[in-house]
Amino acid sequence: MQFTEDQKKVIETRNKNILVSAAAGSGKTAVLVQRILSRITGKDPIDIDRLLIVTFTSAAAAEMRERIHAALLQAQTEHPEDENLQRQAALIHNAQITTIDSFCLHIMREHFDRLDIDPAFRVGDEGEMLLMRADVMDGLFGNMSW
């Protein structure tokens, strides 16, 4: 794939956090996959399970994981002796490729003791959340005289 200059900047930028936002169909996933591959296979590679890759939807996270894995498998067929490629392909299953809400839930489950929350906490379903919102609104505005 041929990348634009802006896309190349995203792929090649180092030592900074970046946020990529672009229209649907603009090649975001391809650019991010290439960026990740360059970080885990390029000069001074890092392990993929040391990266945090956040997307907006679970479907996008799954697609990202699949594309990275497919690219690693393709690279392995081209360089079967490359031990780093083998390692990255094995580590992809532990990589944090997720949505922000799933990542936050993971952090809360891992560190409930530091957060001083019940380890048996759970995320409420949509119906429960609607009822809670209504209770909060009643608590805030229910006793007000207009």
N, C-alpha and C. Protein backbone atom coordinates (compact mmCIF):
# COMPACT_ATOMS: atom_id res chain seq x y z
N MET A 1 0.85 -1.19 0.00
CA MET A 1 0.00 0.00 0.00
C MET A 1 0.88 1.24 0.00
N GLN A 2 0.52 2.21 -0.80
CA GLN A 2 1.21 3.49 -0.83
C GLN A 2 0.57 4.41 0.20
N PHE A 3 1.39 5.00 1.05
CA PHE A 3 0.89 5.89 2.09
C PHE A 3 1.15 7.33 1.71
N THR A 4 0.23 8.22 2.15
CA THR A 4 0.41 9.65 1.94
C THR A 4 1.49 10.15 2.89
N GLU A 5 1.91 11.38 2.71
CA GLU A 5 2.91 11.96 3.62
C GLU A 5 2.40 12.01 5.06
N ASP A 6 1.14 12.40 5.25
CA ASP A 6 0.57 12.43 6.60
C ASP A 6 0.53 11.04 7.20
N GLN A 7 0.16 10.05 6.41
CA GLN A 7 0.13 8.68 6.90
C GLN A 7 1.54 8.19 7.27
N LYS A 8 2.52 8.56 6.46
CA LYS A 8 3.91 8.19 6.76
C LYS A 8 4.37 8.81 8.08
N LYS A 9 3.93 10.05 8.35
CA LYS A 9 4.28 10.69 9.62
C LYS A 9 3.74 9.90 10.80
N VAL A 10 2.50 9.43 10.68
CA VAL A 10 1.89 8.63 11.75
C VAL A 10 2.69 7.35 11.95
N ILE A 11 3.05 6.70 10.87
CA ILE A 11 3.78 5.43 10.94
C ILE A 11 5.16 5.63 11.56
N GLU A 12 5.82 6.71 11.22
CA GLU A 12 7.23 6.90 11.60
C GLU A 12 7.46 7.70 12.87
N THR A 13 6.46 8.40 13.39
CA THR A 13 6.64 9.21 14.59
C THR A 13 7.00 8.32 15.77
N ARG A 14 8.02 8.73 16.52
CA ARG A 14 8.48 7.95 17.67
C ARG A 14 8.56 8.83 18.92
N ASN A 15 8.58 8.16 20.07
CA ASN A 15 8.76 8.81 21.38
C ASN A 15 7.68 9.82 21.70
N LYS A 16 6.47 9.58 21.17
CA LYS A 16 5.33 10.44 21.45
C LYS A 16 4.08 9.58 21.43
N ASN A 17 3.11 9.96 22.22
CA ASN A 17 1.78 9.38 22.07
C ASN A 17 1.12 10.10 20.91
N ILE A 18 0.32 9.38 20.15
CA ILE A 18 -0.37 10.02 19.04
C ILE A 18 -1.84 9.64 19.06
N LEU A 19 -2.64 10.48 18.48
CA LEU A 19 -4.06 10.23 18.29
C LEU A 19 -4.32 10.33 16.80
N VAL A 20 -4.91 9.28 16.25
CA VAL A 20 -5.22 9.27 14.83
C VAL A 20 -6.73 9.34 14.68
N SER A 21 -7.19 10.36 13.99
CA SER A 21 -8.61 10.52 13.74
C SER A 21 -8.78 10.88 12.28
N ALA A 22 -9.60 10.12 11.58
CA ALA A 22 -9.84 10.37 10.16
C ALA A 22 -11.16 9.74 9.77
N ALA A 23 -11.64 10.09 8.60
CA ALA A 23 -12.93 9.59 8.12
C ALA A 23 -12.89 8.09 7.86
N ALA A 24 -14.07 7.50 7.86
CA ALA A 24 -14.19 6.08 7.54
C ALA A 24 -13.63 5.84 6.14
N GLY A 25 -12.91 4.74 5.99
CA GLY A 25 -12.37 4.37 4.69
C GLY A 25 -11.11 5.12 4.29
N SER A 26 -10.53 5.88 5.22
CA SER A 26 -9.36 6.69 4.88
C SER A 26 -8.04 5.94 5.07
N GLY A 27 -8.10 4.71 5.59
CA GLY A 27 -6.89 3.93 5.77
C GLY A 27 -6.31 3.96 7.17
N LYS A 28 -7.11 4.40 8.15
CA LYS A 28 -6.61 4.47 9.54
C LYS A 28 -6.07 3.13 10.02
N THR A 29 -6.85 2.09 9.82
CA THR A 29 -6.45 0.78 10.33
C THR A 29 -5.16 0.31 9.66
N ALA A 30 -5.06 0.48 8.35
CA ALA A 30 -3.85 0.07 7.64
C ALA A 30 -2.63 0.84 8.15
N VAL A 31 -2.80 2.13 8.38
CA VAL A 31 -1.71 2.97 8.88
C VAL A 31 -1.31 2.53 10.30
N LEU A 32 -2.30 2.32 11.15
CA LEU A 32 -1.98 1.91 12.52
C LEU A 32 -1.34 0.52 12.56
N VAL A 33 -1.82 -0.38 11.73
CA VAL A 33 -1.19 -1.71 11.66
C VAL A 33 0.26 -1.56 11.23
N GLN A 34 0.52 -0.74 10.24
CA GLN A 34 1.91 -0.55 9.78
C GLN A 34 2.75 0.11 10.87
N ARG A 35 2.17 1.07 11.58
CA ARG A 35 2.89 1.71 12.69
C ARG A 35 3.26 0.69 13.75
N ILE A 36 2.31 -0.13 14.12
CA ILE A 36 2.55 -1.15 15.14
C ILE A 36 3.60 -2.14 14.66
N LEU A 37 3.47 -2.60 13.42
CA LEU A 37 4.46 -3.54 12.88
C LEU A 37 5.86 -2.94 12.88
N SER A 38 5.96 -1.67 12.54
CA SER A 38 7.29 -1.04 12.53
C SER A 38 7.87 -0.94 13.93
N ARG A 39 7.01 -0.82 14.94
CA ARG A 39 7.49 -0.75 16.33
C ARG A 39 7.89 -2.11 16.89
N ILE A 40 7.21 -3.16 16.46
CA ILE A 40 7.49 -4.48 17.02
C ILE A 40 8.48 -5.29 16.20
N THR A 41 8.80 -4.80 14.99
CA THR A 41 9.74 -5.54 14.14
C THR A 41 10.90 -4.70 13.66
N GLY A 42 10.84 -3.41 13.82
CA GLY A 42 11.88 -2.52 13.29
C GLY A 42 13.10 -2.45 14.18
N LYS A 43 13.81 -1.35 14.04
CA LYS A 43 14.99 -1.10 14.87
C LYS A 43 14.55 -0.97 16.33
N ASP A 44 15.27 -1.58 17.23
CA ASP A 44 14.93 -1.59 18.66
C ASP A 44 13.46 -1.98 18.89
N PRO A 45 13.08 -3.18 18.47
CA PRO A 45 11.68 -3.58 18.58
C PRO A 45 11.23 -3.71 20.03
N ILE A 46 9.95 -3.45 20.24
CA ILE A 46 9.34 -3.68 21.54
C ILE A 46 8.29 -4.77 21.37
N ASP A 47 7.99 -5.48 22.44
CA ASP A 47 7.00 -6.54 22.37
C ASP A 47 5.61 -5.95 22.27
N ILE A 48 4.78 -6.59 21.48
CA ILE A 48 3.42 -6.09 21.25
C ILE A 48 2.59 -6.05 22.53
N ASP A 49 2.90 -6.91 23.47
CA ASP A 49 2.12 -6.89 24.71
C ASP A 49 2.55 -5.75 25.65
N ARG A 50 3.46 -4.91 25.21
CA ARG A 50 3.85 -3.72 25.96
C ARG A 50 3.16 -2.47 25.43
N LEU A 51 2.39 -2.61 24.36
CA LEU A 51 1.67 -1.49 23.76
C LEU A 51 0.22 -1.47 24.23
N LEU A 52 -0.35 -0.28 24.30
CA LEU A 52 -1.78 -0.12 24.52
C LEU A 52 -2.35 0.47 23.24
N ILE A 53 -3.25 -0.30 22.62
CA ILE A 53 -3.85 0.09 21.35
C ILE A 53 -5.35 0.21 21.60
N VAL A 54 -5.86 1.43 21.51
CA VAL A 54 -7.25 1.70 21.87
C VAL A 54 -8.03 2.09 20.62
N THR A 55 -9.19 1.45 20.45
CA THR A 55 -10.09 1.76 19.35
C THR A 55 -11.44 2.16 19.94
N PHE A 56 -12.36 2.56 19.08
CA PHE A 56 -13.67 3.00 19.56
C PHE A 56 -14.66 1.86 19.73
N THR A 57 -14.50 0.78 18.96
CA THR A 57 -15.47 -0.31 19.04
C THR A 57 -14.76 -1.64 19.22
N SER A 58 -15.48 -2.60 19.76
CA SER A 58 -14.93 -3.96 19.91
C SER A 58 -14.64 -4.57 18.55
N ALA A 59 -15.50 -4.27 17.58
CA ALA A 59 -15.29 -4.80 16.23
C ALA A 59 -13.99 -4.25 15.64
N ALA A 60 -13.72 -2.97 15.86
CA ALA A 60 -12.47 -2.37 15.35
C ALA A 60 -11.26 -2.98 16.05
N ALA A 61 -11.38 -3.24 17.34
CA ALA A 61 -10.28 -3.87 18.08
C ALA A 61 -10.01 -5.27 17.55
N ALA A 62 -11.07 -6.03 17.30
CA ALA A 62 -10.91 -7.38 16.77
C ALA A 62 -10.28 -7.34 15.38
N GLU A 63 -10.73 -6.39 14.56
CA GLU A 63 -10.16 -6.25 13.21
C GLU A 63 -8.68 -5.88 13.28
N MET A 64 -8.33 -4.98 14.20
CA MET A 64 -6.94 -4.57 14.36
C MET A 64 -6.07 -5.77 14.75
N ARG A 65 -6.54 -6.54 15.72
CA ARG A 65 -5.80 -7.72 16.16
C ARG A 65 -5.61 -8.70 15.00
N GLU A 66 -6.69 -8.94 14.25
CA GLU A 66 -6.62 -9.87 13.11
C GLU A 66 -5.63 -9.39 12.05
N ARG A 67 -5.69 -8.10 11.75
CA ARG A 67 -4.78 -7.57 10.72
C ARG A 67 -3.32 -7.63 11.16
N ILE A 68 -3.06 -7.31 12.41
CA ILE A 68 -1.69 -7.39 12.91
C ILE A 68 -1.21 -8.83 12.88
N HIS A 69 -2.06 -9.74 13.34
CA HIS A 69 -1.69 -11.15 13.35
C HIS A 69 -1.43 -11.65 11.93
N ALA A 70 -2.30 -11.31 10.98
CA ALA A 70 -2.13 -11.71 9.59
C ALA A 70 -0.82 -11.15 9.02
N ALA A 71 -0.52 -9.90 9.34
CA ALA A 71 0.73 -9.29 8.85
C ALA A 71 1.94 -9.98 9.45
N LEU A 72 1.85 -10.36 10.72
CA LEU A 72 2.96 -11.09 11.35
C LEU A 72 3.14 -12.46 10.71
N LEU A 73 2.04 -13.15 10.43
CA LEU A 73 2.13 -14.46 9.79
C LEU A 73 2.73 -14.33 8.39
N GLN A 74 2.32 -13.29 7.66
CA GLN A 74 2.89 -13.05 6.33
C GLN A 74 4.39 -12.78 6.42
N ALA A 75 4.78 -11.96 7.39
CA ALA A 75 6.21 -11.66 7.57
C ALA A 75 6.98 -12.92 7.96
N GLN A 76 6.35 -13.80 8.74
CA GLN A 76 7.01 -15.05 9.12
C GLN A 76 7.25 -15.95 7.92
N THR A 77 6.31 -15.95 6.98
CA THR A 77 6.53 -16.78 5.78
C THR A 77 7.67 -16.23 4.95
N GLU A 78 7.86 -14.92 4.98
CA GLU A 78 8.96 -14.29 4.23
C GLU A 78 10.29 -14.40 4.96
N HIS A 79 10.25 -14.49 6.30
CA HIS A 79 11.47 -14.56 7.12
C HIS A 79 11.29 -15.62 8.21
N PRO A 80 11.23 -16.90 7.83
CA PRO A 80 10.94 -17.95 8.81
C PRO A 80 11.97 -18.09 9.93
N GLU A 81 13.16 -17.56 9.71
CA GLU A 81 14.21 -17.68 10.72
C GLU A 81 14.16 -16.56 11.77
N ASP A 82 13.31 -15.58 11.56
CA ASP A 82 13.25 -14.41 12.44
C ASP A 82 12.55 -14.77 13.75
N GLU A 83 13.32 -14.88 14.81
CA GLU A 83 12.78 -15.25 16.12
C GLU A 83 11.88 -14.17 16.70
N ASN A 84 12.17 -12.91 16.41
CA ASN A 84 11.32 -11.83 16.92
C ASN A 84 9.91 -11.93 16.33
N LEU A 85 9.81 -12.24 15.05
CA LEU A 85 8.48 -12.39 14.44
C LEU A 85 7.71 -13.53 15.10
N GLN A 86 8.39 -14.61 15.39
CA GLN A 86 7.75 -15.75 16.07
C GLN A 86 7.27 -15.32 17.45
N ARG A 87 8.12 -14.56 18.15
CA ARG A 87 7.76 -14.09 19.49
C ARG A 87 6.55 -13.17 19.45
N GLN A 88 6.54 -12.22 18.51
CA GLN A 88 5.43 -11.27 18.41
C GLN A 88 4.13 -11.98 18.05
N ALA A 89 4.21 -12.98 17.17
CA ALA A 89 3.02 -13.75 16.81
C ALA A 89 2.46 -14.50 18.02
N ALA A 90 3.34 -14.96 18.89
CA ALA A 90 2.90 -15.64 20.11
C ALA A 90 2.32 -14.65 21.12
N LEU A 91 2.87 -13.44 21.18
CA LEU A 91 2.44 -12.44 22.16
C LEU A 91 1.16 -11.70 21.76
N ILE A 92 0.78 -11.78 20.49
CA ILE A 92 -0.38 -11.00 20.02
C ILE A 92 -1.64 -11.32 20.83
N HIS A 93 -1.73 -12.54 21.33
CA HIS A 93 -2.93 -12.93 22.08
C HIS A 93 -3.00 -12.25 23.45
N ASN A 94 -1.87 -11.73 23.93
CA ASN A 94 -1.84 -11.01 25.20
C ASN A 94 -1.82 -9.50 25.02
N ALA A 95 -1.83 -9.05 23.80
CA ALA A 95 -1.73 -7.61 23.52
C ALA A 95 -2.99 -6.89 23.97
N GLN A 96 -2.82 -5.66 24.47
CA GLN A 96 -3.93 -4.80 24.87
C GLN A 96 -4.42 -4.04 23.65
N ILE A 97 -5.26 -4.71 22.86
CA ILE A 97 -5.91 -4.09 21.71
C ILE A 97 -7.38 -4.09 22.08
N THR A 98 -7.89 -2.93 22.46
CA THR A 98 -9.18 -2.91 23.15
C THR A 98 -9.87 -1.56 22.99
N THR A 99 -11.06 -1.48 23.54
CA THR A 99 -11.76 -0.19 23.63
C THR A 99 -11.37 0.46 24.96
N ILE A 100 -11.62 1.75 25.07
CA ILE A 100 -11.25 2.46 26.30
C ILE A 100 -12.05 1.92 27.49
N ASP A 101 -13.33 1.61 27.29
CA ASP A 101 -14.12 1.11 28.41
C ASP A 101 -13.65 -0.27 28.84
N SER A 102 -13.26 -1.13 27.90
CA SER A 102 -12.75 -2.45 28.26
C SER A 102 -11.40 -2.34 28.96
N PHE A 103 -10.58 -1.40 28.53
CA PHE A 103 -9.29 -1.21 29.19
C PHE A 103 -9.49 -0.72 30.62
N CYS A 104 -10.39 0.23 30.81
CA CYS A 104 -10.67 0.74 32.16
C CYS A 104 -11.22 -0.36 33.05
N LEU A 105 -12.10 -1.19 32.52
CA LEU A 105 -12.64 -2.31 33.29
C LEU A 105 -11.52 -3.27 33.68
N HIS A 106 -10.60 -3.53 32.76
CA HIS A 106 -9.45 -4.39 33.05
C HIS A 106 -8.62 -3.81 34.20
N ILE A 107 -8.34 -2.52 34.15
CA ILE A 107 -7.57 -1.86 35.21
C ILE A 107 -8.31 -1.96 36.55
N MET A 108 -9.60 -1.75 36.53
CA MET A 108 -10.38 -1.82 37.77
C MET A 108 -10.37 -3.23 38.35
N ARG A 109 -10.47 -4.24 37.50
CA ARG A 109 -10.45 -5.63 37.98
C ARG A 109 -9.07 -6.00 38.53
N GLU A 110 -8.03 -5.50 37.89
CA GLU A 110 -6.66 -5.82 38.31
C GLU A 110 -6.27 -5.10 39.60
N HIS A 111 -6.84 -3.91 39.83
CA HIS A 111 -6.40 -3.07 40.94
C HIS A 111 -7.54 -2.62 41.84
N PHE A 112 -8.56 -3.48 42.00
CA PHE A 112 -9.71 -3.13 42.83
C PHE A 112 -9.29 -2.78 44.25
N ASP A 113 -8.22 -3.43 44.74
CA ASP A 113 -7.77 -3.18 46.10
C ASP A 113 -7.23 -1.77 46.26
N ARG A 114 -6.51 -1.29 45.28
CA ARG A 114 -5.98 0.08 45.33
C ARG A 114 -7.08 1.12 45.13
N LEU A 115 -8.12 0.72 44.43
CA LEU A 115 -9.23 1.63 44.16
C LEU A 115 -10.28 1.62 45.26
N ASP A 116 -10.09 0.72 46.22
CA ASP A 116 -11.01 0.58 47.33
C ASP A 116 -12.44 0.33 46.86
N ILE A 117 -12.56 -0.65 45.93
CA ILE A 117 -13.89 -1.06 45.47
C ILE A 117 -14.05 -2.56 45.70
N ASP A 118 -15.28 -2.98 45.76
CA ASP A 118 -15.62 -4.39 45.98
C ASP A 118 -15.09 -5.21 44.80
N PRO A 119 -14.32 -6.28 45.05
CA PRO A 119 -13.79 -7.09 43.95
C PRO A 119 -14.89 -7.80 43.15
N ALA A 120 -16.08 -7.87 43.69
CA ALA A 120 -17.20 -8.51 42.99
C ALA A 120 -18.03 -7.48 42.21
N PHE A 121 -17.49 -6.28 41.98
CA PHE A 121 -18.25 -5.28 41.24
C PHE A 121 -18.58 -5.79 39.84
N ARG A 122 -19.60 -5.18 39.26
CA ARG A 122 -19.97 -5.52 37.89
C ARG A 122 -20.48 -4.27 37.20
N VAL A 123 -20.54 -4.34 35.90
CA VAL A 123 -21.05 -3.24 35.11
C VAL A 123 -22.56 -3.46 34.97
N GLY A 124 -23.31 -2.42 35.26
CA GLY A 124 -24.75 -2.51 35.17
C GLY A 124 -25.22 -2.60 33.73
N ASP A 125 -26.35 -3.26 33.53
CA ASP A 125 -26.90 -3.31 32.17
C ASP A 125 -27.62 -2.00 31.87
N GLU A 126 -28.06 -1.87 30.64
CA GLU A 126 -28.65 -0.61 30.18
C GLU A 126 -29.88 -0.22 31.00
N GLY A 127 -30.73 -1.19 31.34
CA GLY A 127 -31.93 -0.89 32.13
C GLY A 127 -31.58 -0.36 33.51
N GLU A 128 -30.58 -0.99 34.16
CA GLU A 128 -30.15 -0.52 35.48
C GLU A 128 -29.59 0.90 35.40
N MET A 129 -28.85 1.16 34.35
CA MET A 129 -28.25 2.49 34.20
C MET A 129 -29.33 3.56 34.01
N LEU A 130 -30.37 3.24 33.26
CA LEU A 130 -31.48 4.19 33.08
C LEU A 130 -32.16 4.50 34.41
N LEU A 131 -32.39 3.46 35.21
CA LEU A 131 -33.01 3.67 36.52
C LEU A 131 -32.12 4.50 37.43
N MET A 132 -30.83 4.22 37.42
CA MET A 132 -29.89 4.98 38.25
C MET A 132 -29.86 6.45 37.83
N ARG A 133 -29.85 6.69 36.51
CA ARG A 133 -29.86 8.07 36.02
C ARG A 133 -31.11 8.79 36.48
N ALA A 134 -32.25 8.10 36.40
CA ALA A 134 -33.51 8.72 36.84
C ALA A 134 -33.46 9.04 38.33
N ASP A 135 -32.90 8.12 39.13
CA ASP A 135 -32.77 8.37 40.57
C ASP A 135 -31.87 9.58 40.85
N VAL A 136 -30.79 9.68 40.13
CA VAL A 136 -29.88 10.81 40.32
C VAL A 136 -30.57 12.12 39.93
N MET A 137 -31.26 12.10 38.81
CA MET A 137 -31.96 13.32 38.38
C MET A 137 -33.04 13.72 39.40
N ASP A 138 -33.76 12.73 39.92
CA ASP A 138 -34.76 13.02 40.96
C ASP A 138 -34.08 13.61 42.18
N GLY A 139 -32.94 13.05 42.55
CA GLY A 139 -32.21 13.56 43.70
C GLY A 139 -31.71 14.97 43.50
N LEU A 140 -31.33 15.29 42.28
CA LEU A 140 -30.83 16.63 41.98
C LEU A 140 -31.95 17.66 41.81
N PHE A 141 -32.98 17.28 41.09
CA PHE A 141 -33.98 18.26 40.71
C PHE A 141 -35.36 18.00 41.29
N GLY A 142 -35.56 16.85 41.89
CA GLY A 142 -36.89 16.47 42.38
C GLY A 142 -37.43 17.39 43.46
N ASN A 143 -36.59 17.94 44.29
CA ASN A 143 -37.05 18.79 45.40
C ASN A 143 -36.96 20.27 45.09
N MET A 144 -36.67 20.60 43.87
CA MET A 144 -36.55 22.01 43.52
C MET A 144 -37.92 22.60 43.20
N SER A 145 -38.12 23.81 43.67
CA SER A 145 -39.35 24.50 43.31
C SER A 145 -38.99 25.53 42.25
N TRP A 146 -39.67 25.46 41.16
CA TRP A 146 -39.39 26.35 40.02
C TRP A 146 -40.29 27.51 40.13
